[in-house]
Amino acid sequence: MNVTRSLWIMAALATLGAAASYAQDDVPRLSSGRPDLNGTWYNGDGVLHVRPVRKGASLCIRGCEDEAEGPAPVRVPVERPSYKPEFLAKVRDLDDRQVVEDASLRCYPPGVPRIGPPDKLVHVPGQVVFLYNDITGSHFRTVPTDGRGHRTDFGASYLGDAVGRWEGDTLVVETAHFRDDTWLTDDGSFHTADLRVVERLWRQGEELHYQATAYDPAVLTEPWAKQERVATLTARELVPAPPCVEQDLDLIVDGSHHDNRR
């Protein structure tokens, strides 16, 4: 091997080593050595779940942008779980009757993973607290990371019972014990009480990466993995969510809907 090629290889290896070192040092850490997840994380402008337009004595939910004042809602494609054939009719029926059946439209917590990544994290030894500012109100989840299992005295709830563990620099959160009246996403994507959700969060510089997978083999043909979301650290402090107000559901005569941004 000639000298020039040897020097080039040594320089390339040094560059790769420096890049790896930079990536490692780019993650702030607690005294325990774990990545520091503390902070407020901006992951979007909220959920444009319902943005009705009044048409006379009724409200229009979709197909009425031309008559609305101001810009139309942003349409963001929503990933769909894959259901077993015998449950497709139920999904379509719930989809058609979303304004009646969707618990989040009546100000109940939207469930996991529908609620998406947290808006703020409080990270201390032994636990991480997830804080949310959602259209349904302010919510929190306490995630122990000290090795304990799921609680045995915990009844089913909208946001479930979470326990966490570390896989390298990734926080892995497993949640179970859900009520069965929340949805995985929009458009009738129901689940059973046996739903289990695994979320993964990791930090890269001032970005927080979030990915979630739902497991419900009784109704789904395969685990449903949501597309990765990326939130950005911000100096803006989290404020309490405004009171959730039902969207005049009794007056809605157009039973359609539009995609939500979760």
C-alpha atoms as a PDB file:
ATOM      1  CA  MET A   1       0.000   0.000   0.000  1.00  0.00           C
ATOM      2  CA  ASN A   2       1.485   3.359  -0.977  1.00  0.00           C
ATOM      3  CA  VAL A   3       2.033   6.149   1.533  1.00  0.00           C
ATOM      4  CA  THR A   4      -0.592   8.454   0.025  1.00  0.00           C
ATOM      5  CA  ARG A   5      -3.323   5.812   0.261  1.00  0.00           C
ATOM      6  CA  SER A   6      -2.298   4.961   3.836  1.00  0.00           C
ATOM      7  CA  LEU A   7      -2.525   8.596   4.866  1.00  0.00           C
ATOM      8  CA  TRP A   8      -5.926   8.927   3.189  1.00  0.00           C
ATOM      9  CA  ILE A   9      -7.286   5.876   5.034  1.00  0.00           C
ATOM     10  CA  MET A  10      -5.898   7.135   8.360  1.00  0.00           C
ATOM     11  CA  ALA A  11      -7.494  10.535   7.777  1.00  0.00           C
ATOM     12  CA  ALA A  12     -10.818   8.934   6.875  1.00  0.00           C
ATOM     13  CA  LEU A  13     -10.792   6.771  10.002  1.00  0.00           C
ATOM     14  CA  ALA A  14      -9.941   9.798  12.116  1.00  0.00           C
ATOM     15  CA  THR A  15     -12.840  11.704  10.584  1.00  0.00           C
ATOM     16  CA  LEU A  16     -15.247   8.837  11.279  1.00  0.00           C
ATOM     17  CA  GLY A  17     -13.983   8.605  14.831  1.00  0.00           C
ATOM     18  CA  ALA A  18     -14.456  12.328  15.344  1.00  0.00           C
ATOM     19  CA  ALA A  19     -17.979  12.148  13.912  1.00  0.00           C
ATOM     20  CA  ALA A  20     -18.893   9.282  16.218  1.00  0.00           C
ATOM     21  CA  SER A  21     -17.435  11.167  19.184  1.00  0.00           C
ATOM     22  CA  TYR A  22     -19.377  14.284  18.211  1.00  0.00           C
ATOM     23  CA  ALA A  23     -22.623  12.311  17.928  1.00  0.00           C
ATOM     24  CA  GLN A  24     -22.037  10.824  21.363  1.00  0.00           C
ATOM     25  CA  ASP A  25     -21.133  14.159  22.949  1.00  0.00           C
ATOM     26  CA  ASP A  26     -24.056  15.878  21.222  1.00  0.00           C
ATOM     27  CA  VAL A  27     -26.495  14.309  23.712  1.00  0.00           C
ATOM     28  CA  PRO A  28     -26.682  16.126  27.083  1.00  0.00           C
ATOM     29  CA  ARG A  29     -26.645  13.679  29.957  1.00  0.00           C
ATOM     30  CA  LEU A  30     -27.744  13.465  33.558  1.00  0.00           C
ATOM     31  CA  SER A  31     -25.326  12.586  36.328  1.00  0.00           C
ATOM     32  CA  SER A  32     -26.471   8.970  35.908  1.00  0.00           C
ATOM     33  CA  GLY A  33     -25.121   8.980  32.352  1.00  0.00           C
ATOM     34  CA  ARG A  34     -28.577   8.669  30.808  1.00  0.00           C
ATOM     35  CA  PRO A  35     -29.571  11.111  28.044  1.00  0.00           C
ATOM     36  CA  ASP A  36     -31.207  14.229  29.480  1.00  0.00           C
ATOM     37  CA  LEU A  37     -34.771  14.297  28.137  1.00  0.00           C
ATOM     38  CA  ASN A  38     -35.865  17.295  30.207  1.00  0.00           C
ATOM     39  CA  GLY A  39     -37.498  20.168  28.389  1.00  0.00           C
ATOM     40  CA  THR A  40     -40.416  21.379  26.333  1.00  0.00           C
ATOM     41  CA  TRP A  41     -40.533  19.678  22.936  1.00  0.00           C
ATOM     42  CA  TYR A  42     -42.332  21.311  20.040  1.00  0.00           C
ATOM     43  CA  ASN A  43     -43.875  18.712  17.737  1.00  0.00           C
ATOM     44  CA  GLY A  44     -46.407  20.724  15.741  1.00  0.00           C
ATOM     45  CA  ASP A  45     -49.212  23.218  15.998  1.00  0.00           C
ATOM     46  CA  GLY A  46     -51.630  20.886  17.700  1.00  0.00           C
ATOM     47  CA  VAL A  47     -54.438  18.813  16.241  1.00  0.00           C
ATOM     48  CA  LEU A  48     -56.856  20.297  13.727  1.00  0.00           C
ATOM     49  CA  HIS A  49     -59.281  17.559  14.682  1.00  0.00           C
ATOM     50  CA  VAL A  50     -62.460  19.528  14.190  1.00  0.00           C
ATOM     51  CA  ARG A  51     -62.621  22.899  12.508  1.00  0.00           C
ATOM     52  CA  PRO A  52     -66.330  23.313  11.711  1.00  0.00           C
ATOM     53  CA  VAL A  53     -67.829  25.907   9.400  1.00  0.00           C
ATOM     54  CA  ARG A  54     -71.311  27.118  10.237  1.00  0.00           C
ATOM     55  CA  LYS A  55     -73.772  26.793   7.373  1.00  0.00           C
ATOM     56  CA  GLY A  56     -77.041  28.294   8.466  1.00  0.00           C
ATOM     57  CA  ALA A  57     -78.273  26.406  11.504  1.00  0.00           C
ATOM     58  CA  SER A  58     -75.866  23.484  11.058  1.00  0.00           C
ATOM     59  CA  LEU A  59     -72.145  22.839  11.008  1.00  0.00           C
ATOM     60  CA  CYS A  60     -70.094  21.506   8.126  1.00  0.00           C
ATOM     61  CA  ILE A  61     -66.977  19.466   8.920  1.00  0.00           C
ATOM     62  CA  ARG A  62     -65.593  18.536   5.496  1.00  0.00           C
ATOM     63  CA  GLY A  63     -66.046  19.779   1.968  1.00  0.00           C
ATOM     64  CA  CYS A  64     -66.804  23.308   3.089  1.00  0.00           C
ATOM     65  CA  GLU A  65     -63.405  25.012   2.816  1.00  0.00           C
ATOM     66  CA  ASP A  66     -64.601  27.215  -0.067  1.00  0.00           C
ATOM     67  CA  GLU A  67     -67.137  28.830   2.222  1.00  0.00           C
ATOM     68  CA  ALA A  68     -64.773  29.181   5.172  1.00  0.00           C
ATOM     69  CA  GLU A  69     -62.976  32.360   6.026  1.00  0.00           C
ATOM     70  CA  GLY A  70     -59.202  32.102   6.092  1.00  0.00           C
ATOM     71  CA  PRO A  71     -56.990  29.216   4.997  1.00  0.00           C
ATOM     72  CA  ALA A  72     -58.330  25.696   4.856  1.00  0.00           C
ATOM     73  CA  PRO A  73     -57.092  23.154   7.429  1.00  0.00           C
ATOM     74  CA  VAL A  74     -53.857  21.396   6.561  1.00  0.00           C
ATOM     75  CA  ARG A  75     -54.448  17.832   5.427  1.00  0.00           C
ATOM     76  CA  VAL A  76     -51.891  15.411   6.797  1.00  0.00           C
ATOM     77  CA  PRO A  77     -52.127  11.755   5.721  1.00  0.00           C
ATOM     78  CA  VAL A  78     -52.938   9.446   8.624  1.00  0.00           C
ATOM     79  CA  GLU A  79     -51.415   5.981   8.769  1.00  0.00           C
ATOM     80  CA  ARG A  80     -53.974   3.213   9.166  1.00  0.00           C
ATOM     81  CA  PRO A  81     -53.771  -0.033  11.135  1.00  0.00           C
ATOM     82  CA  SER A  82     -54.460  -3.248   9.216  1.00  0.00           C
ATOM     83  CA  TYR A  83     -57.543  -5.056  10.569  1.00  0.00           C
ATOM     84  CA  LYS A  84     -58.620  -8.655  10.178  1.00  0.00           C
ATOM     85  CA  PRO A  85     -61.348  -9.028   7.517  1.00  0.00           C
ATOM     86  CA  GLU A  86     -64.102  -9.733  10.044  1.00  0.00           C
ATOM     87  CA  PHE A  87     -63.551  -6.322  11.684  1.00  0.00           C
ATOM     88  CA  LEU A  88     -63.454  -4.119   8.579  1.00  0.00           C
ATOM     89  CA  ALA A  89     -67.203  -3.497   8.663  1.00  0.00           C
ATOM     90  CA  LYS A  90     -66.936  -2.295  12.257  1.00  0.00           C
ATOM     91  CA  VAL A  91     -64.142   0.104  11.341  1.00  0.00           C
ATOM     92  CA  ARG A  92     -66.209   1.502   8.446  1.00  0.00           C
ATOM     93  CA  ASP A  93     -69.249   1.889  10.689  1.00  0.00           C
ATOM     94  CA  LEU A  94     -67.263   3.760  13.360  1.00  0.00           C
ATOM     95  CA  ASP A  95     -65.704   5.869  10.612  1.00  0.00           C
ATOM     96  CA  ASP A  96     -69.126   6.834   9.296  1.00  0.00           C
ATOM     97  CA  ARG A  97     -70.333   7.712  12.789  1.00  0.00           C
ATOM     98  CA  GLN A  98     -67.168   9.350  14.128  1.00  0.00           C
ATOM     99  CA  VAL A  99     -68.932  12.435  15.465  1.00  0.00           C
ATOM    100  CA  VAL A 100     -71.028  10.143  17.633  1.00  0.00           C
ATOM    101  CA  GLU A 101     -68.509   7.449  18.592  1.00  0.00           C
ATOM    102  CA  ASP A 102     -65.156   9.259  18.906  1.00  0.00           C
ATOM    103  CA  ALA A 103     -64.594   9.785  22.640  1.00  0.00           C
ATOM    104  CA  SER A 104     -62.004  12.514  22.043  1.00  0.00           C
ATOM    105  CA  LEU A 105     -64.723  14.689  20.487  1.00  0.00           C
ATOM    106  CA  ARG A 106     -66.416  14.587  23.865  1.00  0.00           C
ATOM    107  CA  CYS A 107     -63.282  15.760  25.670  1.00  0.00           C
ATOM    108  CA  TYR A 108     -62.037  12.376  26.877  1.00  0.00           C
ATOM    109  CA  PRO A 109     -58.271  11.718  26.601  1.00  0.00           C
ATOM    110  CA  PRO A 110     -57.451  10.390  23.115  1.00  0.00           C
ATOM    111  CA  GLY A 111     -55.481   7.359  24.261  1.00  0.00           C
ATOM    112  CA  VAL A 112     -52.063   6.037  23.266  1.00  0.00           C
ATOM    113  CA  PRO A 113     -50.471   6.237  20.741  1.00  0.00           C
ATOM    114  CA  ARG A 114     -53.053   8.629  19.321  1.00  0.00           C
ATOM    115  CA  ILE A 115     -52.011  11.403  21.692  1.00  0.00           C
ATOM    116  CA  GLY A 116     -48.538  11.374  20.098  1.00  0.00           C
ATOM    117  CA  PRO A 117     -45.215  12.476  21.604  1.00  0.00           C
ATOM    118  CA  PRO A 118     -45.222  14.444  24.860  1.00  0.00           C
ATOM    119  CA  ASP A 119     -45.071  18.237  24.817  1.00  0.00           C
ATOM    120  CA  LYS A 120     -42.850  18.321  27.892  1.00  0.00           C
ATOM    121  CA  LEU A 121     -40.663  15.794  29.696  1.00  0.00           C
ATOM    122  CA  VAL A 122     -39.579  15.879  33.338  1.00  0.00           C
ATOM    123  CA  HIS A 123     -36.698  13.428  33.649  1.00  0.00           C
ATOM    124  CA  VAL A 124     -35.354  12.515  37.081  1.00  0.00           C
ATOM    125  CA  PRO A 125     -33.624   9.374  38.364  1.00  0.00           C
ATOM    126  CA  GLY A 126     -36.079   6.503  38.413  1.00  0.00           C
ATOM    127  CA  GLN A 127     -38.867   8.048  36.372  1.00  0.00           C
ATOM    128  CA  VAL A 128     -39.862  10.221  33.439  1.00  0.00           C
ATOM    129  CA  VAL A 129     -43.068  12.268  33.446  1.00  0.00           C
ATOM    130  CA  PHE A 130     -44.839  12.948  30.135  1.00  0.00           C
ATOM    131  CA  LEU A 131     -46.892  16.165  29.986  1.00  0.00           C
ATOM    132  CA  TYR A 132     -49.375  16.925  27.205  1.00  0.00           C
ATOM    133  CA  ASN A 133     -51.224  20.013  26.052  1.00  0.00           C
ATOM    134  CA  ASP A 134     -53.973  18.397  23.985  1.00  0.00           C
ATOM    135  CA  ILE A 135     -57.224  19.622  22.469  1.00  0.00           C
ATOM    136  CA  THR A 136     -58.946  17.460  25.086  1.00  0.00           C
ATOM    137  CA  GLY A 137     -57.091  19.195  27.936  1.00  0.00           C
ATOM    138  CA  SER A 138     -53.875  18.823  29.924  1.00  0.00           C
ATOM    139  CA  HIS A 139     -52.778  15.239  30.592  1.00  0.00           C
ATOM    140  CA  PHE A 140     -49.803  13.490  32.191  1.00  0.00           C
ATOM    141  CA  ARG A 141     -48.258  10.043  32.345  1.00  0.00           C
ATOM    142  CA  THR A 142     -45.757   8.899  34.969  1.00  0.00           C
ATOM    143  CA  VAL A 143     -43.279   6.369  33.593  1.00  0.00           C
ATOM    144  CA  PRO A 144     -41.127   4.559  36.209  1.00  0.00           C
ATOM    145  CA  THR A 145     -37.712   3.470  34.956  1.00  0.00           C
ATOM    146  CA  ASP A 146     -36.490   1.698  38.094  1.00  0.00           C
ATOM    147  CA  GLY A 147     -37.251  -1.832  36.916  1.00  0.00           C
ATOM    148  CA  ARG A 148     -40.715  -2.256  38.392  1.00  0.00           C
ATOM    149  CA  GLY A 149     -43.468  -4.010  36.417  1.00  0.00           C
ATOM    150  CA  HIS A 150     -47.032  -2.976  35.667  1.00  0.00           C
ATOM    151  CA  ARG A 151     -49.183  -2.209  38.676  1.00  0.00           C
ATOM    152  CA  THR A 152     -51.621  -4.845  39.866  1.00  0.00           C
ATOM    153  CA  ASP A 153     -53.953  -2.346  41.544  1.00  0.00           C
ATOM    154  CA  PHE A 154     -54.431  -0.276  38.390  1.00  0.00           C
ATOM    155  CA  GLY A 155     -57.750  -0.299  36.563  1.00  0.00           C
ATOM    156  CA  ALA A 156     -58.174   0.364  32.859  1.00  0.00           C
ATOM    157  CA  SER A 157     -57.745   4.008  31.863  1.00  0.00           C
ATOM    158  CA  TYR A 158     -57.605   6.199  28.765  1.00  0.00           C
ATOM    159  CA  LEU A 159     -53.806   6.558  28.855  1.00  0.00           C
ATOM    160  CA  GLY A 160     -53.038   3.158  30.367  1.00  0.00           C
ATOM    161  CA  ASP A 161     -50.355   2.062  32.828  1.00  0.00           C
ATOM    162  CA  ALA A 162     -46.794   2.674  31.634  1.00  0.00           C
ATOM    163  CA  VAL A 163     -43.423   1.247  32.665  1.00  0.00           C
ATOM    164  CA  GLY A 164     -40.105   2.209  31.115  1.00  0.00           C
ATOM    165  CA  ARG A 165     -36.666   0.779  30.574  1.00  0.00           C
ATOM    166  CA  TRP A 166     -33.498   1.854  28.812  1.00  0.00           C
ATOM    167  CA  GLU A 167     -32.068   0.138  25.765  1.00  0.00           C
ATOM    168  CA  GLY A 168     -28.788   1.960  25.371  1.00  0.00           C
ATOM    169  CA  ASP A 169     -29.729   5.621  24.948  1.00  0.00           C
ATOM    170  CA  THR A 170     -33.328   4.849  23.939  1.00  0.00           C
ATOM    171  CA  LEU A 171     -36.158   5.112  26.447  1.00  0.00           C
ATOM    172  CA  VAL A 172     -38.603   2.256  25.807  1.00  0.00           C
ATOM    173  CA  VAL A 173     -42.076   2.662  27.318  1.00  0.00           C
ATOM    174  CA  GLU A 174     -44.531  -0.222  27.423  1.00  0.00           C
ATOM    175  CA  THR A 175     -48.155   0.651  28.223  1.00  0.00           C
ATOM    176  CA  ALA A 176     -51.110  -1.631  28.928  1.00  0.00           C
ATOM    177  CA  HIS A 177     -54.437  -1.640  30.839  1.00  0.00           C
ATOM    178  CA  PHE A 178     -56.358   0.576  28.411  1.00  0.00           C
ATOM    179  CA  ARG A 179     -60.056   1.261  28.171  1.00  0.00           C
ATOM    180  CA  ASP A 180     -61.454  -0.030  24.898  1.00  0.00           C
ATOM    181  CA  ASP A 181     -63.315   3.142  23.877  1.00  0.00           C
ATOM    182  CA  THR A 182     -60.274   5.098  22.666  1.00  0.00           C
ATOM    183  CA  TRP A 183     -58.967   4.816  19.105  1.00  0.00           C
ATOM    184  CA  LEU A 184     -55.502   4.208  17.704  1.00  0.00           C
ATOM    185  CA  THR A 185     -55.942   7.078  15.276  1.00  0.00           C
ATOM    186  CA  ASP A 186     -58.738   8.788  13.408  1.00  0.00           C
ATOM    187  CA  ASP A 187     -61.497   7.172  11.334  1.00  0.00           C
ATOM    188  CA  GLY A 188     -62.754   4.338  13.494  1.00  0.00           C
ATOM    189  CA  SER A 189     -59.435   2.656  14.278  1.00  0.00           C
ATOM    190  CA  PHE A 190     -60.640   0.888  17.412  1.00  0.00           C
ATOM    191  CA  HIS A 191     -58.767  -1.537  19.671  1.00  0.00           C
ATOM    192  CA  THR A 192     -59.553  -4.030  22.425  1.00  0.00           C
ATOM    193  CA  ALA A 193     -58.793  -3.832  26.135  1.00  0.00           C
ATOM    194  CA  ASP A 194     -55.772  -6.089  25.486  1.00  0.00           C
ATOM    195  CA  LEU A 195     -53.965  -3.373  23.509  1.00  0.00           C
ATOM    196  CA  ARG A 196     -50.261  -3.031  24.294  1.00  0.00           C
ATOM    197  CA  VAL A 197     -48.253  -0.056  23.046  1.00  0.00           C
ATOM    198  CA  VAL A 198     -44.467   0.221  22.924  1.00  0.00           C
ATOM    199  CA  GLU A 199     -43.041   3.728  22.495  1.00  0.00           C
ATOM    200  CA  ARG A 200     -39.391   4.578  21.841  1.00  0.00           C
ATOM    201  CA  LEU A 201     -37.849   7.983  22.495  1.00  0.00           C
ATOM    202  CA  TRP A 202     -34.278   9.051  21.861  1.00  0.00           C
ATOM    203  CA  ARG A 203     -32.480  12.361  21.746  1.00  0.00           C
ATOM    204  CA  GLN A 204     -30.142  13.678  19.074  1.00  0.00           C
ATOM    205  CA  GLY A 205     -28.858  17.131  19.899  1.00  0.00           C
ATOM    206  CA  GLU A 206     -31.922  19.337  20.353  1.00  0.00           C
ATOM    207  CA  GLU A 207     -34.248  16.865  18.653  1.00  0.00           C
ATOM    208  CA  LEU A 208     -36.436  14.271  20.342  1.00  0.00           C
ATOM    209  CA  HIS A 209     -37.343  11.287  18.166  1.00  0.00           C
ATOM    210  CA  TYR A 210     -40.542   9.368  18.899  1.00  0.00           C
ATOM    211  CA  GLN A 211     -41.868   6.123  17.467  1.00  0.00           C
ATOM    212  CA  ALA A 212     -44.734   3.941  18.682  1.00  0.00           C
ATOM    213  CA  THR A 213     -46.004   0.462  17.835  1.00  0.00           C
ATOM    214  CA  ALA A 214     -49.429  -0.912  18.799  1.00  0.00           C
ATOM    215  CA  TYR A 215     -49.955  -4.628  19.430  1.00  0.00           C
ATOM    216  CA  ASP A 216     -53.517  -5.977  19.437  1.00  0.00           C
ATOM    217  CA  PRO A 217     -53.484  -9.396  17.724  1.00  0.00           C
ATOM    218  CA  ALA A 218     -57.172 -10.023  18.464  1.00  0.00           C
ATOM    219  CA  VAL A 219     -58.189  -7.470  15.819  1.00  0.00           C
ATOM    220  CA  LEU A 220     -55.055  -6.446  13.889  1.00  0.00           C
ATOM    221  CA  THR A 221     -53.345  -8.543  11.230  1.00  0.00           C
ATOM    222  CA  GLU A 222     -49.940  -7.270  12.346  1.00  0.00           C
ATOM    223  CA  PRO A 223     -48.401  -4.806  14.824  1.00  0.00           C
ATOM    224  CA  TRP A 224     -49.106  -1.245  13.745  1.00  0.00           C
ATOM    225  CA  ALA A 225     -45.998   0.979  13.708  1.00  0.00           C
ATOM    226  CA  LYS A 226     -46.609   4.710  13.537  1.00  0.00           C
ATOM    227  CA  GLN A 227     -44.272   6.827  11.478  1.00  0.00           C
ATOM    228  CA  GLU A 228     -41.442   8.387  13.465  1.00  0.00           C
ATOM    229  CA  ARG A 229     -42.113  11.902  14.769  1.00  0.00           C
ATOM    230  CA  VAL A 230     -39.410  14.468  15.565  1.00  0.00           C
ATOM    231  CA  ALA A 231     -39.844  17.234  18.138  1.00  0.00           C
ATOM    232  CA  THR A 232     -37.537  20.192  18.707  1.00  0.00           C
ATOM    233  CA  LEU A 233     -36.377  21.569  22.037  1.00  0.00           C
ATOM    234  CA  THR A 234     -37.846  24.998  22.709  1.00  0.00           C
ATOM    235  CA  ALA A 235     -37.457  27.636  25.401  1.00  0.00           C
ATOM    236  CA  ARG A 236     -41.216  28.190  25.352  1.00  0.00           C
ATOM    237  CA  GLU A 237     -42.758  26.913  28.565  1.00  0.00           C
ATOM    238  CA  LEU A 238     -45.789  24.659  28.538  1.00  0.00           C
ATOM    239  CA  VAL A 239     -49.001  26.345  29.666  1.00  0.00           C
ATOM    240  CA  PRO A 240     -52.257  24.700  30.782  1.00  0.00           C
ATOM    241  CA  ALA A 241     -54.512  23.692  27.935  1.00  0.00           C
ATOM    242  CA  PRO A 242     -57.719  25.685  27.502  1.00  0.00           C
ATOM    243  CA  PRO A 243     -60.903  23.962  28.657  1.00  0.00           C
ATOM    244  CA  CYS A 244     -62.102  21.354  26.214  1.00  0.00           C
ATOM    245  CA  VAL A 245     -65.493  22.226  24.777  1.00  0.00           C
ATOM    246  CA  GLU A 246     -67.591  19.767  22.790  1.00  0.00           C
ATOM    247  CA  GLN A 247     -67.964  20.892  19.188  1.00  0.00           C
ATOM    248  CA  ASP A 248     -71.749  21.369  19.228  1.00  0.00           C
ATOM    249  CA  LEU A 249     -72.086  17.742  18.232  1.00  0.00           C
ATOM    250  CA  ASP A 250     -75.863  17.761  18.565  1.00  0.00           C
ATOM    251  CA  LEU A 251     -76.038  20.354  15.793  1.00  0.00           C
ATOM    252  CA  ILE A 252     -73.783  18.557  13.315  1.00  0.00           C
ATOM    253  CA  VAL A 253     -75.804  17.260  10.393  1.00  0.00           C
ATOM    254  CA  ASP A 254     -72.866  16.432   8.116  1.00  0.00           C
ATOM    255  CA  GLY A 255     -71.438  13.247   9.603  1.00  0.00           C
ATOM    256  CA  SER A 256     -68.146  13.473   7.704  1.00  0.00           C
ATOM    257  CA  HIS A 257     -64.820  14.467   9.193  1.00  0.00           C
ATOM    258  CA  HIS A 258     -61.264  15.230   8.210  1.00  0.00           C
ATOM    259  CA  ASP A 259     -57.906  13.734   9.046  1.00  0.00           C
ATOM    260  CA  ASN A 260     -56.370  14.627  12.372  1.00  0.00           C
ATOM    261  CA  ARG A 261     -52.687  15.436  12.722  1.00  0.00           C
ATOM    262  CA  ARG A 262     -51.841  12.942  15.441  1.00  0.00           C
END
